[in-house]
Amino acid sequence: MLIDTHAHINFNAFKDNADDIIRRTLAKDIWMINVGSQSTTSRRAIDLAEKYPEGVYAAVGLHPTHLFEMQVDESEVGVRFKSRKEDWDYDFYKRLAKNKKVVAIGEVGLDYHFIPENVDFKEARAKQKKVFMKALDLADELDLPVIIHSRDTHVEVAEILKSYLDAGRLKRRGVSHCFTGSREEAQKYLNLGFLISFTGIITFKPRPNQIAMQEKILEAVKNIPLKKCMVETDAPYLAPEPFRGKQNEPAYVEYVARKIAEIKNISFEEVAEATTNTAKQLFRF
């Protein structure tokens, strides 16, 4: 058994075949958490989860790129969309999060890579931090773990998380999803009791200008204790080899687990059992 701890079958990319993909994935004994990135996709994640008695769950949250209206284009990894500006509505997300199929708040966090040209960087940064902390407040209030998006902001995210933990909050902790940082950056989360989740990125054959970055990620995979790891697809994005460049789906999480087994020189079964147990403990299902 495997658990794809971060998928987006609730996105428009799957509007015509979401249930087909979910049924096909469940038939392979793979469960999933569909993660919201704004109000509409958060609600859709719950709608999908409620169709299935077991194996399909939801997380609700507001991704930092959806705080502004802008074009997000990362064609190399299959990410391309126009974000719709949304403000954080605490009461709205609280109502969603009280649904029994919701297992986490997320994805939420910090990402300064895409900032609209007409928005002051300092103001954008401050707005992202404010919304991130509001989401952490909700996770703390409802005793839910948090799914964190952090692109090159690990130091700032860790500082914010530590301030909550020092105040006796966020007892459920959470996970840094789609981790692409260094071994040292991963350790910041581990020291706070958070987990690390890997995607198909770890399977990529790096281009010449990406070798150093890929080596850094693989070094993190190698050294992070297995019991602190989870696996995910981030579908429809980041399809692993041999599907790179195609639409990703939860069934492909197997390739992420197999790569972790290869890097750590252990069996696939050991990775599957450990990551599944860790996910069940964190998300309580």
C-alpha atoms as a PDB file:
ATOM      1  CA  MET A   1       0.000   0.000   0.000  1.00  0.00           C
ATOM      2  CA  LEU A   2       1.044   3.582  -0.703  1.00  0.00           C
ATOM      3  CA  ILE A   3      -0.406   6.998   0.113  1.00  0.00           C
ATOM      4  CA  ASP A   4      -0.021   9.928  -2.262  1.00  0.00           C
ATOM      5  CA  THR A   5       0.002  12.615   0.401  1.00  0.00           C
ATOM      6  CA  HIS A   6      -0.326  15.512  -2.028  1.00  0.00           C
ATOM      7  CA  ALA A   7      -2.299  15.414  -5.270  1.00  0.00           C
ATOM      8  CA  HIS A   8      -4.607  17.810  -7.079  1.00  0.00           C
ATOM      9  CA  ILE A   9      -7.243  15.672  -8.754  1.00  0.00           C
ATOM     10  CA  ASN A  10      -9.497  18.536  -7.684  1.00  0.00           C
ATOM     11  CA  PHE A  11      -7.868  20.777 -10.340  1.00  0.00           C
ATOM     12  CA  ASN A  12      -9.364  21.566 -13.741  1.00  0.00           C
ATOM     13  CA  ALA A  13      -6.804  19.318 -15.419  1.00  0.00           C
ATOM     14  CA  PHE A  14      -8.904  16.371 -14.206  1.00  0.00           C
ATOM     15  CA  LYS A  15     -12.379  17.827 -14.654  1.00  0.00           C
ATOM     16  CA  ASP A  16     -13.308  15.211 -17.254  1.00  0.00           C
ATOM     17  CA  ASN A  17     -11.756  12.092 -15.721  1.00  0.00           C
ATOM     18  CA  ALA A  18     -11.241  12.651 -11.984  1.00  0.00           C
ATOM     19  CA  ASP A  19     -13.350   9.700 -10.864  1.00  0.00           C
ATOM     20  CA  ASP A  20     -11.793   7.372 -13.419  1.00  0.00           C
ATOM     21  CA  ILE A  21      -8.316   8.221 -12.149  1.00  0.00           C
ATOM     22  CA  ILE A  22      -9.355   7.906  -8.513  1.00  0.00           C
ATOM     23  CA  ARG A  23     -10.939   4.482  -9.035  1.00  0.00           C
ATOM     24  CA  ARG A  24      -7.910   3.285 -10.996  1.00  0.00           C
ATOM     25  CA  THR A  25      -5.604   4.481  -8.217  1.00  0.00           C
ATOM     26  CA  LEU A  26      -7.625   2.891  -5.411  1.00  0.00           C
ATOM     27  CA  ALA A  27      -7.645  -0.391  -7.334  1.00  0.00           C
ATOM     28  CA  LYS A  28      -3.837  -0.380  -7.016  1.00  0.00           C
ATOM     29  CA  ASP A  29      -4.134   0.013  -3.226  1.00  0.00           C
ATOM     30  CA  ILE A  30      -2.965   3.616  -3.346  1.00  0.00           C
ATOM     31  CA  TRP A  31      -4.753   6.235  -1.262  1.00  0.00           C
ATOM     32  CA  MET A  32      -4.574   9.981  -1.793  1.00  0.00           C
ATOM     33  CA  ILE A  33      -5.025  13.395  -0.254  1.00  0.00           C
ATOM     34  CA  ASN A  34      -6.300  16.020  -2.690  1.00  0.00           C
ATOM     35  CA  VAL A  35      -4.996  19.394  -1.623  1.00  0.00           C
ATOM     36  CA  GLY A  36      -6.715  22.730  -2.145  1.00  0.00           C
ATOM     37  CA  SER A  37      -4.903  25.839  -3.324  1.00  0.00           C
ATOM     38  CA  GLN A  38      -7.813  28.309  -3.062  1.00  0.00           C
ATOM     39  CA  SER A  39     -11.509  28.348  -2.180  1.00  0.00           C
ATOM     40  CA  THR A  40     -12.816  26.542  -5.264  1.00  0.00           C
ATOM     41  CA  THR A  41     -10.234  23.757  -5.331  1.00  0.00           C
ATOM     42  CA  SER A  42     -10.507  23.288  -1.565  1.00  0.00           C
ATOM     43  CA  ARG A  43     -14.245  22.777  -1.845  1.00  0.00           C
ATOM     44  CA  ARG A  44     -13.755  20.473  -4.817  1.00  0.00           C
ATOM     45  CA  ALA A  45     -11.271  18.370  -2.829  1.00  0.00           C
ATOM     46  CA  ILE A  46     -13.964  17.767  -0.217  1.00  0.00           C
ATOM     47  CA  ASP A  47     -16.592  16.967  -2.846  1.00  0.00           C
ATOM     48  CA  LEU A  48     -14.339  14.274  -4.307  1.00  0.00           C
ATOM     49  CA  ALA A  49     -13.422  12.827  -0.910  1.00  0.00           C
ATOM     50  CA  GLU A  50     -17.058  12.514   0.124  1.00  0.00           C
ATOM     51  CA  LYS A  51     -17.726  10.220  -2.833  1.00  0.00           C
ATOM     52  CA  TYR A  52     -15.490   7.504  -1.412  1.00  0.00           C
ATOM     53  CA  PRO A  53     -15.847   5.817   1.983  1.00  0.00           C
ATOM     54  CA  GLU A  54     -12.113   5.202   2.241  1.00  0.00           C
ATOM     55  CA  GLY A  55      -8.863   6.145   0.550  1.00  0.00           C
ATOM     56  CA  VAL A  56      -9.647   9.684  -0.639  1.00  0.00           C
ATOM     57  CA  TYR A  57      -9.170  12.647   1.687  1.00  0.00           C
ATOM     58  CA  ALA A  58      -8.887  16.428   1.446  1.00  0.00           C
ATOM     59  CA  ALA A  59      -6.836  19.371   2.638  1.00  0.00           C
ATOM     60  CA  VAL A  60      -8.009  22.984   2.396  1.00  0.00           C
ATOM     61  CA  GLY A  61      -5.916  26.100   2.045  1.00  0.00           C
ATOM     62  CA  LEU A  62      -4.840  29.153   0.071  1.00  0.00           C
ATOM     63  CA  HIS A  63      -1.588  28.903  -1.881  1.00  0.00           C
ATOM     64  CA  PRO A  64       0.591  32.058  -1.741  1.00  0.00           C
ATOM     65  CA  THR A  65       0.501  32.530  -5.520  1.00  0.00           C
ATOM     66  CA  HIS A  66      -3.279  32.915  -5.339  1.00  0.00           C
ATOM     67  CA  LEU A  67      -2.975  36.063  -3.247  1.00  0.00           C
ATOM     68  CA  PHE A  68      -2.339  37.949  -6.487  1.00  0.00           C
ATOM     69  CA  GLU A  69      -3.624  37.848 -10.034  1.00  0.00           C
ATOM     70  CA  MET A  70      -0.750  36.834 -12.307  1.00  0.00           C
ATOM     71  CA  GLN A  71       0.495  34.373 -14.880  1.00  0.00           C
ATOM     72  CA  VAL A  72       2.461  31.433 -13.472  1.00  0.00           C
ATOM     73  CA  ASP A  73       4.516  29.671 -16.129  1.00  0.00           C
ATOM     74  CA  GLU A  74       6.964  26.882 -15.359  1.00  0.00           C
ATOM     75  CA  SER A  75       6.599  24.919 -18.556  1.00  0.00           C
ATOM     76  CA  GLU A  76       9.659  22.788 -17.829  1.00  0.00           C
ATOM     77  CA  VAL A  77       7.866  21.014 -14.980  1.00  0.00           C
ATOM     78  CA  GLY A  78       4.388  21.246 -16.458  1.00  0.00           C
ATOM     79  CA  VAL A  79       3.122  24.124 -14.309  1.00  0.00           C
ATOM     80  CA  ARG A  80       1.235  26.811 -16.199  1.00  0.00           C
ATOM     81  CA  PHE A  81      -1.845  28.689 -15.025  1.00  0.00           C
ATOM     82  CA  LYS A  82      -3.302  32.119 -14.382  1.00  0.00           C
ATOM     83  CA  SER A  83      -3.872  32.733 -10.704  1.00  0.00           C
ATOM     84  CA  ARG A  84      -7.055  34.367  -9.498  1.00  0.00           C
ATOM     85  CA  LYS A  85      -6.592  36.813  -6.644  1.00  0.00           C
ATOM     86  CA  GLU A  86      -8.203  35.709  -3.398  1.00  0.00           C
ATOM     87  CA  ASP A  87      -8.146  37.050   0.146  1.00  0.00           C
ATOM     88  CA  TRP A  88      -7.951  34.733   3.146  1.00  0.00           C
ATOM     89  CA  ASP A  89     -11.397  34.161   4.634  1.00  0.00           C
ATOM     90  CA  TYR A  90     -10.833  32.563   8.025  1.00  0.00           C
ATOM     91  CA  ASP A  91     -14.453  31.634   8.669  1.00  0.00           C
ATOM     92  CA  PHE A  92     -14.894  30.139   5.194  1.00  0.00           C
ATOM     93  CA  TYR A  93     -11.862  27.876   5.500  1.00  0.00           C
ATOM     94  CA  LYS A  94     -12.832  26.985   9.042  1.00  0.00           C
ATOM     95  CA  ARG A  95     -16.223  25.743   7.853  1.00  0.00           C
ATOM     96  CA  LEU A  96     -14.561  23.669   5.145  1.00  0.00           C
ATOM     97  CA  ALA A  97     -11.941  22.277   7.507  1.00  0.00           C
ATOM     98  CA  LYS A  98     -14.552  20.955   9.907  1.00  0.00           C
ATOM     99  CA  ASN A  99     -15.640  18.399   7.316  1.00  0.00           C
ATOM    100  CA  LYS A 100     -14.760  14.874   8.495  1.00  0.00           C
ATOM    101  CA  LYS A 101     -12.835  14.134   5.273  1.00  0.00           C
ATOM    102  CA  VAL A 102     -10.464  17.084   5.776  1.00  0.00           C
ATOM    103  CA  VAL A 103      -7.193  15.891   7.292  1.00  0.00           C
ATOM    104  CA  ALA A 104      -4.999  19.010   7.035  1.00  0.00           C
ATOM    105  CA  ILE A 105      -4.749  22.728   6.372  1.00  0.00           C
ATOM    106  CA  GLY A 106      -2.867  23.362   3.154  1.00  0.00           C
ATOM    107  CA  GLU A 107      -1.291  23.995   1.013  1.00  0.00           C
ATOM    108  CA  VAL A 108      -0.118  27.229   2.572  1.00  0.00           C
ATOM    109  CA  GLY A 109       3.241  28.913   2.921  1.00  0.00           C
ATOM    110  CA  LEU A 110       5.641  31.333   1.294  1.00  0.00           C
ATOM    111  CA  ASP A 111       6.781  31.687  -2.330  1.00  0.00           C
ATOM    112  CA  TYR A 112       8.481  34.833  -3.618  1.00  0.00           C
ATOM    113  CA  HIS A 113       9.358  33.411  -7.034  1.00  0.00           C
ATOM    114  CA  PHE A 114       6.285  34.809  -8.770  1.00  0.00           C
ATOM    115  CA  ILE A 115       5.426  38.357  -7.721  1.00  0.00           C
ATOM    116  CA  PRO A 116       3.433  40.584 -10.122  1.00  0.00           C
ATOM    117  CA  GLU A 117       5.417  43.504 -11.506  1.00  0.00           C
ATOM    118  CA  ASN A 118       2.825  45.977 -10.268  1.00  0.00           C
ATOM    119  CA  VAL A 119       3.082  44.732  -6.658  1.00  0.00           C
ATOM    120  CA  ASP A 120       5.767  45.965  -4.273  1.00  0.00           C
ATOM    121  CA  PHE A 121       7.959  43.036  -3.211  1.00  0.00           C
ATOM    122  CA  LYS A 122       8.000  44.005   0.476  1.00  0.00           C
ATOM    123  CA  GLU A 123       4.226  44.355   0.513  1.00  0.00           C
ATOM    124  CA  ALA A 124       3.807  40.991  -1.223  1.00  0.00           C
ATOM    125  CA  ARG A 125       6.157  39.335   1.229  1.00  0.00           C
ATOM    126  CA  ALA A 126       4.326  40.818   4.203  1.00  0.00           C
ATOM    127  CA  LYS A 127       0.951  39.745   2.808  1.00  0.00           C
ATOM    128  CA  GLN A 128       2.144  36.175   2.267  1.00  0.00           C
ATOM    129  CA  LYS A 129       3.460  35.967   5.832  1.00  0.00           C
ATOM    130  CA  LYS A 130       0.226  37.351   7.245  1.00  0.00           C
ATOM    131  CA  VAL A 131      -1.926  34.821   5.368  1.00  0.00           C
ATOM    132  CA  PHE A 132       0.439  31.963   6.214  1.00  0.00           C
ATOM    133  CA  MET A 133       0.140  32.778   9.904  1.00  0.00           C
ATOM    134  CA  LYS A 134      -3.658  33.012   9.663  1.00  0.00           C
ATOM    135  CA  ALA A 135      -3.642  29.521   8.185  1.00  0.00           C
ATOM    136  CA  LEU A 136      -1.404  28.304  10.999  1.00  0.00           C
ATOM    137  CA  ASP A 137      -3.855  29.858  13.464  1.00  0.00           C
ATOM    138  CA  LEU A 138      -6.625  27.780  11.910  1.00  0.00           C
ATOM    139  CA  ALA A 139      -4.570  24.585  11.969  1.00  0.00           C
ATOM    140  CA  ASP A 140      -3.826  25.217  15.622  1.00  0.00           C
ATOM    141  CA  GLU A 141      -7.457  25.984  16.495  1.00  0.00           C
ATOM    142  CA  LEU A 142      -8.769  22.833  14.807  1.00  0.00           C
ATOM    143  CA  ASP A 143      -5.825  20.634  15.855  1.00  0.00           C
ATOM    144  CA  LEU A 144      -4.953  19.756  12.260  1.00  0.00           C
ATOM    145  CA  PRO A 145      -1.511  19.314  10.681  1.00  0.00           C
ATOM    146  CA  VAL A 146      -0.363  21.835   8.103  1.00  0.00           C
ATOM    147  CA  ILE A 147       0.879  21.137   4.567  1.00  0.00           C
ATOM    148  CA  ILE A 148       3.571  23.690   3.801  1.00  0.00           C
ATOM    149  CA  HIS A 149       4.581  25.131   0.453  1.00  0.00           C
ATOM    150  CA  SER A 150       8.044  26.691   0.662  1.00  0.00           C
ATOM    151  CA  ARG A 151      10.049  27.691  -2.381  1.00  0.00           C
ATOM    152  CA  ASP A 152      13.482  28.910  -1.274  1.00  0.00           C
ATOM    153  CA  THR A 153      11.943  30.300   1.934  1.00  0.00           C
ATOM    154  CA  HIS A 154      12.855  27.502   4.334  1.00  0.00           C
ATOM    155  CA  VAL A 155      14.612  29.794   6.827  1.00  0.00           C
ATOM    156  CA  GLU A 156      11.661  32.180   7.112  1.00  0.00           C
ATOM    157  CA  VAL A 157       9.119  29.357   7.269  1.00  0.00           C
ATOM    158  CA  ALA A 158      11.095  27.566   9.984  1.00  0.00           C
ATOM    159  CA  GLU A 159      11.327  30.780  12.032  1.00  0.00           C
ATOM    160  CA  ILE A 160       7.560  31.280  11.858  1.00  0.00           C
ATOM    161  CA  LEU A 161       6.873  27.657  12.775  1.00  0.00           C
ATOM    162  CA  LYS A 162       9.279  27.862  15.704  1.00  0.00           C
ATOM    163  CA  SER A 163       7.493  30.926  17.060  1.00  0.00           C
ATOM    164  CA  TYR A 164       4.254  28.921  17.152  1.00  0.00           C
ATOM    165  CA  LEU A 165       5.873  25.888  18.749  1.00  0.00           C
ATOM    166  CA  ASP A 166       7.602  28.055  21.365  1.00  0.00           C
ATOM    167  CA  ALA A 167       4.131  29.340  22.274  1.00  0.00           C
ATOM    168  CA  GLY A 168       2.875  25.772  22.711  1.00  0.00           C
ATOM    169  CA  ARG A 169       0.882  25.786  19.480  1.00  0.00           C
ATOM    170  CA  LEU A 170       0.705  23.569  16.354  1.00  0.00           C
ATOM    171  CA  LYS A 171       0.889  20.359  18.344  1.00  0.00           C
ATOM    172  CA  ARG A 172      -0.024  18.324  15.251  1.00  0.00           C
ATOM    173  CA  ARG A 173       2.939  19.751  13.312  1.00  0.00           C
ATOM    174  CA  GLY A 174       2.818  18.961   9.582  1.00  0.00           C
ATOM    175  CA  VAL A 175       4.944  18.453   6.485  1.00  0.00           C
ATOM    176  CA  SER A 176       7.127  20.400   4.080  1.00  0.00           C
ATOM    177  CA  HIS A 177       5.708  19.216   0.776  1.00  0.00           C
ATOM    178  CA  CYS A 178       7.533  18.811  -2.558  1.00  0.00           C
ATOM    179  CA  PHE A 179      10.833  19.297  -0.770  1.00  0.00           C
ATOM    180  CA  THR A 180      13.687  20.447  -3.010  1.00  0.00           C
ATOM    181  CA  GLY A 181      15.996  21.935  -0.408  1.00  0.00           C
ATOM    182  CA  SER A 182      19.256  20.784   1.083  1.00  0.00           C
ATOM    183  CA  ARG A 183      19.964  18.284   3.834  1.00  0.00           C
ATOM    184  CA  GLU A 184      20.592  21.218   6.188  1.00  0.00           C
ATOM    185  CA  GLU A 185      17.308  22.907   5.271  1.00  0.00           C
ATOM    186  CA  ALA A 186      15.434  19.655   5.817  1.00  0.00           C
ATOM    187  CA  GLN A 187      16.984  19.386   9.253  1.00  0.00           C
ATOM    188  CA  LYS A 188      15.378  22.691  10.248  1.00  0.00           C
ATOM    189  CA  TYR A 189      11.958  21.083   9.786  1.00  0.00           C
ATOM    190  CA  LEU A 190      12.979  17.822  11.438  1.00  0.00           C
ATOM    191  CA  ASN A 191      14.251  19.719  14.480  1.00  0.00           C
ATOM    192  CA  LEU A 192      10.767  21.221  14.824  1.00  0.00           C
ATOM    193  CA  GLY A 193       9.062  17.834  14.568  1.00  0.00           C
ATOM    194  CA  PHE A 194       7.869  18.301  10.982  1.00  0.00           C
ATOM    195  CA  LEU A 195       8.058  15.741   8.182  1.00  0.00           C
ATOM    196  CA  ILE A 196       9.477  15.913   4.656  1.00  0.00           C
ATOM    197  CA  SER A 197       7.664  14.796   1.496  1.00  0.00           C
ATOM    198  CA  PHE A 198       9.225  14.060  -1.893  1.00  0.00           C
ATOM    199  CA  THR A 199       7.828  14.147  -5.437  1.00  0.00           C
ATOM    200  CA  GLY A 200       8.838  12.808  -8.827  1.00  0.00           C
ATOM    201  CA  ILE A 201      11.535  15.491  -8.947  1.00  0.00           C
ATOM    202  CA  ILE A 202      13.874  13.030  -7.240  1.00  0.00           C
ATOM    203  CA  THR A 203      13.573  10.727 -10.275  1.00  0.00           C
ATOM    204  CA  PHE A 204      14.472  13.406 -12.841  1.00  0.00           C
ATOM    205  CA  LYS A 205      17.542  13.071 -15.021  1.00  0.00           C
ATOM    206  CA  PRO A 206      19.008  16.552 -14.524  1.00  0.00           C
ATOM    207  CA  ARG A 207      19.948  18.835 -17.348  1.00  0.00           C
ATOM    208  CA  PRO A 208      23.562  20.157 -17.300  1.00  0.00           C
ATOM    209  CA  ASN A 209      22.613  23.324 -15.401  1.00  0.00           C
ATOM    210  CA  GLN A 210      20.608  21.372 -12.811  1.00  0.00           C
ATOM    211  CA  ILE A 211      23.109  18.735 -11.713  1.00  0.00           C
ATOM    212  CA  ALA A 212      24.182  20.516  -8.521  1.00  0.00           C
ATOM    213  CA  MET A 213      20.585  21.145  -7.460  1.00  0.00           C
ATOM    214  CA  GLN A 214      19.602  17.528  -8.115  1.00  0.00           C
ATOM    215  CA  GLU A 215      22.586  16.237  -6.148  1.00  0.00           C
ATOM    216  CA  LYS A 216      21.532  18.449  -3.242  1.00  0.00           C
ATOM    217  CA  ILE A 217      18.014  16.999  -3.241  1.00  0.00           C
ATOM    218  CA  LEU A 218      19.221  13.408  -3.484  1.00  0.00           C
ATOM    219  CA  GLU A 219      21.625  14.005  -0.613  1.00  0.00           C
ATOM    220  CA  ALA A 220      18.657  15.108   1.473  1.00  0.00           C
ATOM    221  CA  VAL A 221      16.706  11.972   0.519  1.00  0.00           C
ATOM    222  CA  LYS A 222      19.650   9.790   1.466  1.00  0.00           C
ATOM    223  CA  ASN A 223      20.154  11.315   4.895  1.00  0.00           C
ATOM    224  CA  ILE A 224      16.636  12.039   6.136  1.00  0.00           C
ATOM    225  CA  PRO A 225      15.416   9.164   8.354  1.00  0.00           C
ATOM    226  CA  LEU A 226      12.890   7.035   6.479  1.00  0.00           C
ATOM    227  CA  LYS A 227      10.325   7.387   9.264  1.00  0.00           C
ATOM    228  CA  LYS A 228      10.367  11.145   8.674  1.00  0.00           C
ATOM    229  CA  CYS A 229       9.600  10.844   4.941  1.00  0.00           C
ATOM    230  CA  MET A 230       6.396  10.723   2.935  1.00  0.00           C
ATOM    231  CA  VAL A 231       5.748  10.405  -0.797  1.00  0.00           C
ATOM    232  CA  GLU A 232       3.557  12.434  -3.134  1.00  0.00           C
ATOM    233  CA  THR A 233       2.944  13.226  -6.780  1.00  0.00           C
ATOM    234  CA  ASP A 234       1.742  16.854  -6.784  1.00  0.00           C
ATOM    235  CA  ALA A 235      -0.360  15.664  -9.750  1.00  0.00           C
ATOM    236  CA  PRO A 236      -1.019  16.902 -12.388  1.00  0.00           C
ATOM    237  CA  TYR A 237       2.503  18.331 -12.150  1.00  0.00           C
ATOM    238  CA  LEU A 238       5.982  16.795 -11.800  1.00  0.00           C
ATOM    239  CA  ALA A 239       5.352  13.393 -13.345  1.00  0.00           C
ATOM    240  CA  PRO A 240       8.271  11.093 -12.475  1.00  0.00           C
ATOM    241  CA  GLU A 241      10.499   9.313 -14.953  1.00  0.00           C
ATOM    242  CA  PRO A 242       9.515   7.580 -17.218  1.00  0.00           C
ATOM    243  CA  PHE A 243       6.428   9.834 -17.542  1.00  0.00           C
ATOM    244  CA  ARG A 244       8.226  13.173 -17.284  1.00  0.00           C
ATOM    245  CA  GLY A 245       6.520  15.819 -19.386  1.00  0.00           C
ATOM    246  CA  LYS A 246       3.154  14.061 -19.256  1.00  0.00           C
ATOM    247  CA  GLN A 247       0.215  14.596 -16.921  1.00  0.00           C
ATOM    248  CA  ASN A 248       0.951  13.141 -13.511  1.00  0.00           C
ATOM    249  CA  GLU A 249      -1.502  11.077 -11.458  1.00  0.00           C
ATOM    250  CA  PRO A 250      -1.522   9.479  -7.986  1.00  0.00           C
ATOM    251  CA  ALA A 251      -0.724   5.964  -9.237  1.00  0.00           C
ATOM    252  CA  TYR A 252       2.721   7.234 -10.242  1.00  0.00           C
ATOM    253  CA  VAL A 253       3.660   7.778  -6.598  1.00  0.00           C
ATOM    254  CA  GLU A 254       5.062   4.248  -6.765  1.00  0.00           C
ATOM    255  CA  TYR A 255       7.993   5.572  -8.803  1.00  0.00           C
ATOM    256  CA  VAL A 256       8.825   8.097  -6.081  1.00  0.00           C
ATOM    257  CA  ALA A 257       8.845   5.359  -3.447  1.00  0.00           C
ATOM    258  CA  ARG A 258      11.014   3.122  -5.621  1.00  0.00           C
ATOM    259  CA  LYS A 259      13.527   5.939  -6.114  1.00  0.00           C
ATOM    260  CA  ILE A 260      13.740   6.487  -2.372  1.00  0.00           C
ATOM    261  CA  ALA A 261      14.381   2.759  -1.939  1.00  0.00           C
ATOM    262  CA  GLU A 262      17.143   2.923  -4.547  1.00  0.00           C
ATOM    263  CA  ILE A 263      18.801   5.954  -2.931  1.00  0.00           C
ATOM    264  CA  LYS A 264      18.662   4.463   0.554  1.00  0.00           C
ATOM    265  CA  ASN A 265      19.567   0.979  -0.684  1.00  0.00           C
ATOM    266  CA  ILE A 266      16.562  -0.640   0.970  1.00  0.00           C
ATOM    267  CA  SER A 267      13.545  -2.516  -0.345  1.00  0.00           C
ATOM    268  CA  PHE A 268      10.558  -0.871  -1.980  1.00  0.00           C
ATOM    269  CA  GLU A 269       8.322  -2.707   0.494  1.00  0.00           C
ATOM    270  CA  GLU A 270      10.149  -1.098   3.403  1.00  0.00           C
ATOM    271  CA  VAL A 271       9.640   2.365   1.938  1.00  0.00           C
ATOM    272  CA  ALA A 272       5.972   1.680   1.199  1.00  0.00           C
ATOM    273  CA  GLU A 273       5.279   0.439   4.716  1.00  0.00           C
ATOM    274  CA  ALA A 274       7.178   3.234   6.467  1.00  0.00           C
ATOM    275  CA  THR A 275       5.772   6.126   4.437  1.00  0.00           C
ATOM    276  CA  THR A 276       2.238   4.761   4.677  1.00  0.00           C
ATOM    277  CA  ASN A 277       2.468   4.384   8.449  1.00  0.00           C
ATOM    278  CA  THR A 278       3.899   7.884   8.793  1.00  0.00           C
ATOM    279  CA  ALA A 279       1.116   9.387   6.672  1.00  0.00           C
ATOM    280  CA  LYS A 280      -1.585   7.567   8.639  1.00  0.00           C
ATOM    281  CA  GLN A 281      -0.120   8.796  11.913  1.00  0.00           C
ATOM    282  CA  LEU A 282       0.119  12.410  10.772  1.00  0.00           C
ATOM    283  CA  PHE A 283      -3.267  12.664   9.077  1.00  0.00           C
ATOM    284  CA  ARG A 284      -5.141  10.287  11.399  1.00  0.00           C
ATOM    285  CA  PHE A 285      -6.944   8.020   8.972  1.00  0.00           C
END
